């Protein structure tokens, strides 16, 4: 669930990163689901990403069940 944080007078939306599983590409436990807003911004059908902030490789994945 995204939360709002006020920092230096500016509002920021913060989302907690909850890894779901290990990445088959790099092995890091860093795959997280994109928020609905992030999904809309994708040029393809990416629904999950191996998040770099968790040590991941930034590779995108598609949850086949969402099609």
C-alpha atoms as a PDB file:
ATOM      1  CA  UNK A   1       0.000   0.000   0.000  1.00  0.00           C
ATOM      2  CA  UNK A   2       1.572   3.324  -1.036  1.00  0.00           C
ATOM      3  CA  UNK A   3       2.018   5.952   1.665  1.00  0.00           C
ATOM      4  CA  UNK A   4       2.669   9.674   1.412  1.00  0.00           C
ATOM      5  CA  UNK A   5       5.831  11.121   2.936  1.00  0.00           C
ATOM      6  CA  UNK A   6       6.570  14.829   3.325  1.00  0.00           C
ATOM      7  CA  UNK A   7      10.271  15.527   2.922  1.00  0.00           C
ATOM      8  CA  UNK A   8      11.794  19.001   2.644  1.00  0.00           C
ATOM      9  CA  UNK A   9       8.361  20.469   2.000  1.00  0.00           C
ATOM     10  CA  UNK A  10       7.565  18.143  -0.926  1.00  0.00           C
ATOM     11  CA  UNK A  11       5.102  15.241  -0.906  1.00  0.00           C
ATOM     12  CA  UNK A  12       6.417  11.854  -2.059  1.00  0.00           C
ATOM     13  CA  UNK A  13       4.568   8.572  -2.578  1.00  0.00           C
ATOM     14  CA  UNK A  14       6.441   5.665  -1.000  1.00  0.00           C
ATOM     15  CA  UNK A  15       5.689   2.025  -1.696  1.00  0.00           C
ATOM     16  CA  UNK A  16       7.113  -0.746   0.492  1.00  0.00           C
ATOM     17  CA  UNK A  17       9.028  -3.292  -1.582  1.00  0.00           C
ATOM     18  CA  UNK A  18       7.919  -6.819  -0.717  1.00  0.00           C
ATOM     19  CA  UNK A  19       9.894  -9.408  -2.700  1.00  0.00           C
ATOM     20  CA  UNK A  20       7.741 -12.289  -3.911  1.00  0.00           C
ATOM     21  CA  UNK A  21      10.414 -14.708  -5.093  1.00  0.00           C
ATOM     22  CA  UNK A  22      13.926 -15.129  -6.457  1.00  0.00           C
ATOM     23  CA  UNK A  23      14.740 -13.968  -9.983  1.00  0.00           C
ATOM     24  CA  UNK A  24      15.502 -16.745 -12.476  1.00  0.00           C
ATOM     25  CA  UNK A  25      18.037 -14.438 -14.181  1.00  0.00           C
ATOM     26  CA  UNK A  26      20.194 -13.146 -11.306  1.00  0.00           C
ATOM     27  CA  UNK A  27      19.079 -15.303  -8.353  1.00  0.00           C
ATOM     28  CA  UNK A  28      18.319 -12.371  -6.033  1.00  0.00           C
ATOM     29  CA  UNK A  29      15.103 -12.481  -4.007  1.00  0.00           C
ATOM     30  CA  UNK A  30      14.012  -9.169  -5.515  1.00  0.00           C
ATOM     31  CA  UNK A  31      10.945  -9.685  -7.743  1.00  0.00           C
ATOM     32  CA  UNK A  32       8.166  -7.274  -6.768  1.00  0.00           C
ATOM     33  CA  UNK A  33       4.760  -6.498  -8.256  1.00  0.00           C
ATOM     34  CA  UNK A  34       4.347  -3.151 -10.007  1.00  0.00           C
ATOM     35  CA  UNK A  35       1.722  -0.751  -8.695  1.00  0.00           C
ATOM     36  CA  UNK A  36      -1.342  -0.142 -10.898  1.00  0.00           C
ATOM     37  CA  UNK A  37       0.125   3.233 -11.901  1.00  0.00           C
ATOM     38  CA  UNK A  38       3.445   1.628 -12.866  1.00  0.00           C
ATOM     39  CA  UNK A  39       1.625  -1.023 -14.925  1.00  0.00           C
ATOM     40  CA  UNK A  40      -0.178   1.669 -16.903  1.00  0.00           C
ATOM     41  CA  UNK A  41       3.162   3.321 -17.697  1.00  0.00           C
ATOM     42  CA  UNK A  42       4.661   0.120 -19.145  1.00  0.00           C
ATOM     43  CA  UNK A  43       5.092  -0.035 -22.931  1.00  0.00           C
ATOM     44  CA  UNK A  44       4.453  -3.801 -22.761  1.00  0.00           C
ATOM     45  CA  UNK A  45       2.608  -6.233 -20.476  1.00  0.00           C
ATOM     46  CA  UNK A  46       5.171  -6.179 -17.626  1.00  0.00           C
ATOM     47  CA  UNK A  47       3.541  -6.789 -14.232  1.00  0.00           C
ATOM     48  CA  UNK A  48       6.598  -7.567 -12.055  1.00  0.00           C
ATOM     49  CA  UNK A  49      10.247  -6.471 -11.960  1.00  0.00           C
ATOM     50  CA  UNK A  50      13.461  -7.703 -10.353  1.00  0.00           C
ATOM     51  CA  UNK A  51      13.993  -4.499  -8.389  1.00  0.00           C
ATOM     52  CA  UNK A  52      17.468  -2.904  -8.401  1.00  0.00           C
ATOM     53  CA  UNK A  53      16.927  -1.394  -4.924  1.00  0.00           C
ATOM     54  CA  UNK A  54      16.791  -4.947  -3.576  1.00  0.00           C
ATOM     55  CA  UNK A  55      19.923  -6.002  -5.469  1.00  0.00           C
ATOM     56  CA  UNK A  56      18.000  -7.203  -8.524  1.00  0.00           C
ATOM     57  CA  UNK A  57      18.818  -6.982 -12.220  1.00  0.00           C
ATOM     58  CA  UNK A  58      15.833  -4.784 -13.285  1.00  0.00           C
ATOM     59  CA  UNK A  59      14.458  -7.520 -15.582  1.00  0.00           C
ATOM     60  CA  UNK A  60      10.693  -7.283 -16.151  1.00  0.00           C
ATOM     61  CA  UNK A  61       8.244 -10.186 -16.031  1.00  0.00           C
ATOM     62  CA  UNK A  62       4.647 -10.770 -17.041  1.00  0.00           C
ATOM     63  CA  UNK A  63       2.176 -12.590 -14.826  1.00  0.00           C
ATOM     64  CA  UNK A  64       0.494 -14.820 -17.392  1.00  0.00           C
ATOM     65  CA  UNK A  65      -2.654 -14.992 -15.243  1.00  0.00           C
ATOM     66  CA  UNK A  66      -3.391 -11.297 -15.846  1.00  0.00           C
ATOM     67  CA  UNK A  67      -4.021 -11.736 -19.563  1.00  0.00           C
END
